[in-house]
Protein backbone atom coordinates (compact mmCIF):
# COMPACT_ATOMS: atom_id res chain seq x y z
CA MET A 1 -8.09 -75.83 62.49
CA GLY A 2 -5.04 -77.98 62.30
CA GLU A 3 -1.56 -78.23 63.83
CA LEU A 4 1.01 -75.51 63.48
CA ARG A 5 3.56 -75.89 60.81
CA LYS A 6 6.71 -75.37 62.71
CA PRO A 7 9.22 -75.10 59.67
CA VAL A 8 6.89 -72.91 57.87
CA LEU A 9 6.96 -70.54 61.09
CA ILE A 10 10.58 -70.67 61.48
CA VAL A 11 11.20 -69.71 57.77
CA VAL A 12 8.68 -66.76 58.29
CA VAL A 13 10.97 -65.67 61.28
CA VAL A 14 14.00 -65.87 59.41
CA LEU A 15 12.66 -63.89 56.76
CA LEU A 16 11.63 -61.00 59.06
CA ILE A 17 15.04 -61.03 60.69
CA LEU A 18 16.42 -60.62 57.20
CA VAL A 19 13.91 -57.79 56.43
CA VAL A 20 15.25 -55.76 59.43
CA LEU A 21 18.80 -56.40 58.74
CA LEU A 22 18.44 -55.40 55.33
CA GLU A 23 16.78 -52.13 56.19
CA LEU A 24 19.50 -51.36 58.91
CA GLY A 25 22.12 -52.18 56.37
CA ALA A 26 20.71 -50.04 53.71
CA THR A 27 22.58 -46.90 55.48
CA GLN A 28 25.90 -48.73 54.45
CA PHE A 29 24.80 -49.94 51.14
CA LEU A 30 23.46 -46.91 49.70
CA ASN A 31 26.15 -44.58 51.41
CA GLY A 32 28.64 -43.20 48.93
CA SER A 33 26.81 -44.53 45.81
CA SER A 34 26.79 -41.16 44.03
CA SER A 35 30.01 -39.91 42.23
CA THR A 36 31.40 -36.24 42.82
CA GLN A 37 30.70 -35.59 38.98
CA ASP A 38 26.93 -36.41 39.82
CA ARG A 39 26.67 -33.79 42.48
CA VAL A 40 28.52 -31.29 40.43
CA GLU A 41 25.90 -31.85 37.56
CA ARG A 42 22.97 -31.26 39.90
CA VAL A 43 24.41 -28.08 41.05
CA GLU A 44 25.24 -26.78 37.57
CA SER A 45 21.60 -27.75 36.25
CA SER A 46 19.88 -25.73 39.07
CA ASP A 47 18.47 -22.36 38.18
CA ALA A 48 20.16 -20.64 41.05
CA PHE A 49 23.54 -21.77 39.62
CA LYS A 50 22.65 -20.66 35.95
CA ASN A 51 20.83 -17.50 36.61
CA GLU A 52 21.98 -15.80 39.85
CA LEU A 53 25.96 -16.46 39.92
CA SER A 54 28.40 -14.56 38.17
CA ASP A 55 31.14 -16.77 36.14
CA ASP A 56 33.53 -16.18 38.96
CA GLU A 57 31.10 -17.48 41.54
CA ARG A 58 30.20 -20.45 39.46
CA THR A 59 33.79 -21.55 39.33
CA ASP A 60 34.17 -20.95 43.03
CA ALA A 61 30.90 -23.08 43.84
CA VAL A 62 31.80 -26.00 41.55
CA ARG A 63 35.11 -25.78 43.21
CA SER A 64 33.52 -26.19 46.55
CA VAL A 65 31.24 -28.77 45.77
CA GLU A 66 33.92 -30.89 44.49
CA GLU A 67 35.99 -30.57 47.37
CA TYR A 68 33.18 -31.33 49.64
CA ALA A 69 32.05 -34.17 47.52
CA ASP A 70 35.68 -35.50 47.57
CA SER A 71 35.79 -35.66 51.43
CA ASN A 72 32.18 -36.24 52.28
CA ASP A 73 29.90 -39.36 51.16
CA PRO A 74 26.25 -38.12 50.52
CA PRO A 75 24.09 -38.90 53.53
CA PRO A 76 21.61 -41.80 52.64
CA GLY A 77 17.86 -41.68 52.89
CA LEU A 78 16.07 -42.26 56.39
CA GLY A 79 12.98 -43.91 55.01
CA ILE A 80 14.37 -47.38 54.50
CA PRO A 81 16.39 -47.60 57.80
CA TYR A 82 13.22 -46.23 59.58
CA LEU A 83 11.18 -49.07 58.37
CA ALA A 84 13.14 -51.36 60.87
CA LEU A 85 11.21 -49.64 63.74
CA ILE A 86 7.94 -51.12 62.46
CA ASP A 87 9.32 -54.42 61.08
CA GLY A 88 11.34 -54.99 64.17
CA ILE A 89 8.27 -54.90 66.13
CA LEU A 90 6.50 -57.39 63.74
CA ALA A 91 9.83 -59.62 63.74
CA TYR A 92 9.80 -59.53 67.48
CA THR A 93 6.21 -60.52 67.72
CA ILE A 94 6.66 -63.67 65.38
CA LEU A 95 9.91 -64.57 67.15
CA LEU A 96 8.01 -64.83 70.72
CA ILE A 97 5.28 -67.08 69.12
CA ALA A 98 8.32 -69.21 67.77
CA LEU A 99 9.97 -69.23 70.98
CA GLY A 100 7.02 -70.60 72.86
CA LEU A 101 7.58 -73.81 71.03
CA ILE A 102 10.84 -74.30 72.51
CA VAL A 103 11.05 -72.60 75.63
CA PRO A 104 9.07 -73.77 78.69
CA ASP A 105 5.83 -71.82 79.42
CA HIS A 106 6.84 -71.05 83.00
CA LEU A 107 10.10 -69.80 81.67
CA GLU A 108 8.69 -67.97 78.60
CA GLY A 109 6.25 -65.78 80.77
CA LYS A 110 8.79 -64.42 82.95
CA VAL A 111 11.56 -63.74 80.37
CA GLN A 112 8.95 -62.26 77.79
CA GLY A 113 7.68 -59.84 80.30
CA ILE A 114 11.13 -58.29 81.19
CA ILE A 115 12.41 -58.38 77.59
CA THR A 116 9.46 -56.75 76.41
CA LEU A 117 9.31 -54.16 78.83
CA VAL A 118 12.99 -53.17 78.18
CA LEU A 119 12.62 -53.35 74.42
CA SER A 120 9.54 -51.20 74.63
CA PHE A 121 11.20 -48.57 76.36
CA LEU A 122 14.19 -48.65 74.07
CA LEU A 123 11.94 -48.56 71.16
CA LEU A 124 9.89 -45.75 72.40
CA LEU A 125 13.10 -43.85 73.46
CA GLY A 126 14.79 -44.45 69.78
CA ALA A 127 11.53 -43.43 67.90
CA ILE A 128 11.32 -40.12 69.69
CA VAL A 129 15.15 -39.44 69.04
CA LEU A 130 14.99 -40.44 65.38
CA THR A 131 11.79 -38.43 64.79
CA LEU A 132 13.43 -35.38 66.19
CA ILE A 133 16.58 -36.15 63.96
CA ALA A 134 14.28 -36.43 60.94
CA LEU A 135 12.54 -33.15 61.64
CA PHE A 136 15.72 -31.17 62.16
CA LYS A 137 17.34 -32.68 59.04
CA LEU A 138 13.95 -31.77 57.09
CA ILE A 139 13.98 -28.09 58.76
CA VAL A 140 17.71 -27.59 57.59
CA MET A 141 17.22 -29.09 53.95
CA VAL A 142 13.85 -26.76 53.52
CA SER A 143 15.67 -23.74 54.83
CA LEU A 144 18.52 -24.22 52.47
CA PHE A 145 16.44 -25.04 49.40
CA PHE A 146 14.44 -21.80 49.67
CA ALA A 147 17.37 -19.64 50.38
CA PRO A 148 18.94 -19.03 46.77
CA PRO A 149 21.37 -18.98 45.44
CA PHE A 150 24.04 -20.19 47.94
CA GLY A 151 21.65 -21.97 50.11
CA THR A 152 19.98 -24.07 47.29
CA ILE A 153 23.55 -24.87 45.97
CA ALA A 154 24.74 -25.92 49.45
CA TYR A 155 21.31 -28.11 49.64
CA LEU A 156 22.24 -29.67 46.03
CA ALA A 157 25.73 -30.39 47.17
CA VAL A 158 24.87 -32.23 50.48
CA TRP A 159 21.46 -33.83 49.63
CA GLY A 160 20.95 -33.37 45.97
CA ALA A 161 22.52 -36.83 45.10
CA PHE A 162 20.51 -39.72 46.16
CA ASP A 163 20.98 -43.39 44.90
CA THR A 164 17.28 -44.01 43.92
CA GLY A 165 18.12 -47.01 41.88
CA GLY A 166 19.93 -48.69 44.84
CA ALA A 167 16.94 -47.66 47.20
CA ALA A 168 14.61 -49.08 44.61
CA VAL A 169 16.35 -52.59 44.48
CA VAL A 170 16.58 -52.54 48.46
CA LEU A 171 13.18 -51.87 48.69
CA SER A 172 11.79 -54.29 46.04
CA LEU A 173 13.83 -57.13 47.80
CA VAL A 174 12.36 -55.90 51.32
CA MET A 175 8.94 -56.06 49.85
CA LEU A 176 9.40 -59.64 48.43
CA LEU A 177 10.62 -60.83 51.69
CA LYS A 178 7.40 -59.23 53.64
CA VAL A 179 5.14 -60.45 51.10
CA ALA A 180 6.58 -64.12 51.34
CA ALA A 181 6.48 -63.78 55.22
CA SER A 182 3.03 -62.58 54.91
CA ILE A 183 1.91 -65.41 52.86
CA GLY A 184 3.97 -67.87 55.21
CA LEU A 185 1.87 -66.79 58.32
CA PRO A 186 -1.65 -68.34 57.33
CA ILE A 187 0.19 -71.34 56.01
CA ALA A 188 1.91 -71.89 59.31
CA HIS A 189 -1.52 -71.79 61.08
CA GLN A 190 -4.81 -70.21 59.87
CA ARG A 191 -5.42 -68.96 63.40
CA PHE A 192 -3.12 -66.20 62.67
CA LEU A 193 -5.53 -64.70 60.68
CA ASP A 194 -7.70 -64.22 63.81
CA ASN A 195 -5.26 -62.24 65.29
CA LYS A 196 -6.16 -58.59 64.47
CA GLY A 197 -3.43 -57.09 66.06
CA LEU A 198 -0.85 -59.01 64.18
CA VAL A 199 -2.97 -58.48 60.98
CA LEU A 200 -2.79 -54.72 61.38
CA LEU A 201 0.93 -54.72 62.20
CA VAL A 202 1.63 -56.60 58.91
CA LEU A 203 -0.68 -54.32 56.87
CA THR A 204 1.16 -51.30 58.52
CA SER A 205 4.43 -52.86 57.60
CA LEU A 206 3.32 -53.29 54.00
CA ILE A 207 1.86 -49.98 53.50
CA ALA A 208 4.84 -48.23 55.00
CA THR A 209 7.12 -49.86 52.64
CA ILE A 210 4.72 -48.93 49.81
CA ILE A 211 4.70 -45.24 50.99
CA VAL A 212 8.56 -45.16 50.95
CA GLY A 213 8.74 -47.03 47.70
CA PHE A 214 6.30 -44.39 46.15
CA LEU A 215 8.59 -41.65 47.73
CA VAL A 216 11.61 -43.19 46.03
CA LEU A 217 9.97 -43.49 42.70
CA HIS A 218 8.98 -39.84 42.69
CA ILE A 219 12.41 -38.67 43.44
CA LEU A 220 13.66 -40.84 40.53
CA ALA A 221 11.24 -39.39 38.14
CA ALA A 222 12.19 -35.71 39.38
CA ALA A 223 15.80 -36.76 38.73
CA MET A 224 15.21 -38.16 35.29
CA MET A 225 13.26 -35.15 34.35
CA LEU A 226 15.94 -32.96 35.73
CA GLN A 227 18.65 -34.76 33.77
CA THR A 228 16.16 -34.42 30.42
CA ARG A 229 15.83 -30.62 31.17
CA ALA A 230 19.53 -30.07 31.81
CA GLY A 231 20.40 -32.16 28.30
CA GLU A 232 17.78 -29.96 26.56
CA ASN A 233 19.24 -26.52 27.87
CA ALA A 234 22.90 -27.75 27.14
CA PRO A 235 24.46 -25.56 24.36
CA PRO A 236 25.05 -27.27 21.24
CA PRO A 237 28.66 -28.46 20.52
CA GLN A 238 30.39 -26.04 18.31
CA GLU A 239 31.72 -27.29 14.79
CA ALA A 240 35.35 -27.29 14.07
CA THR A 241 36.16 -24.65 11.44
CA SER A 242 39.00 -25.31 9.20
CA CYS A 243 41.32 -22.62 8.35
CA SER A 244 43.63 -22.10 5.15
CA TYR A 245 46.43 -20.03 4.86
CA ASP A 246 47.62 -18.78 1.29
């Protein structure tokens, strides 16, 4: 079947590590990307703001949104950072294979067992905690969104602005690195294709990225429709009238 191409395997490991770092760093990259004006426009374009509030309440709501937006960055999405749970396992698996080329067999078996046990426990604990956090945020968001008018306005003020463009760029780069790593594995050695567990893990990582990308595109399309609708409903500009005095 041929020898293992070590340089290609090392490149695959580096690519997967970059994927994990990029997914974890997406939280900082996407944080604070939306301006205060964007969040105010989202609130002003909502039906709850236009139809269920008086003029004074609208003024107070806009002022509250502006004060909140100036002092709080919009929270980033959870989809991209959570991909690191899957890709971290994939990167660790390939890293163990690569370390087997350097570390002696008797030492690798002992160290691998201890590290795998510790990391598995931490990963399971982290996955449970992150799942509970995601569910809690989802319940809060849904509860606020379906509690018009003030609940909906609060939802739009906190979670209404999301950097869909930045998320699409990050996901595109992540997907590119994953595809390159997936192609590099059989190039490094064809026997990797016989490892069903590894193949399923790679497919799971790619499918999870596609699902998150689909959700981001859906949010982007909804935001574009919302902006178009707001533009159509905007009152026409008043023409200036000239006055003449005798």
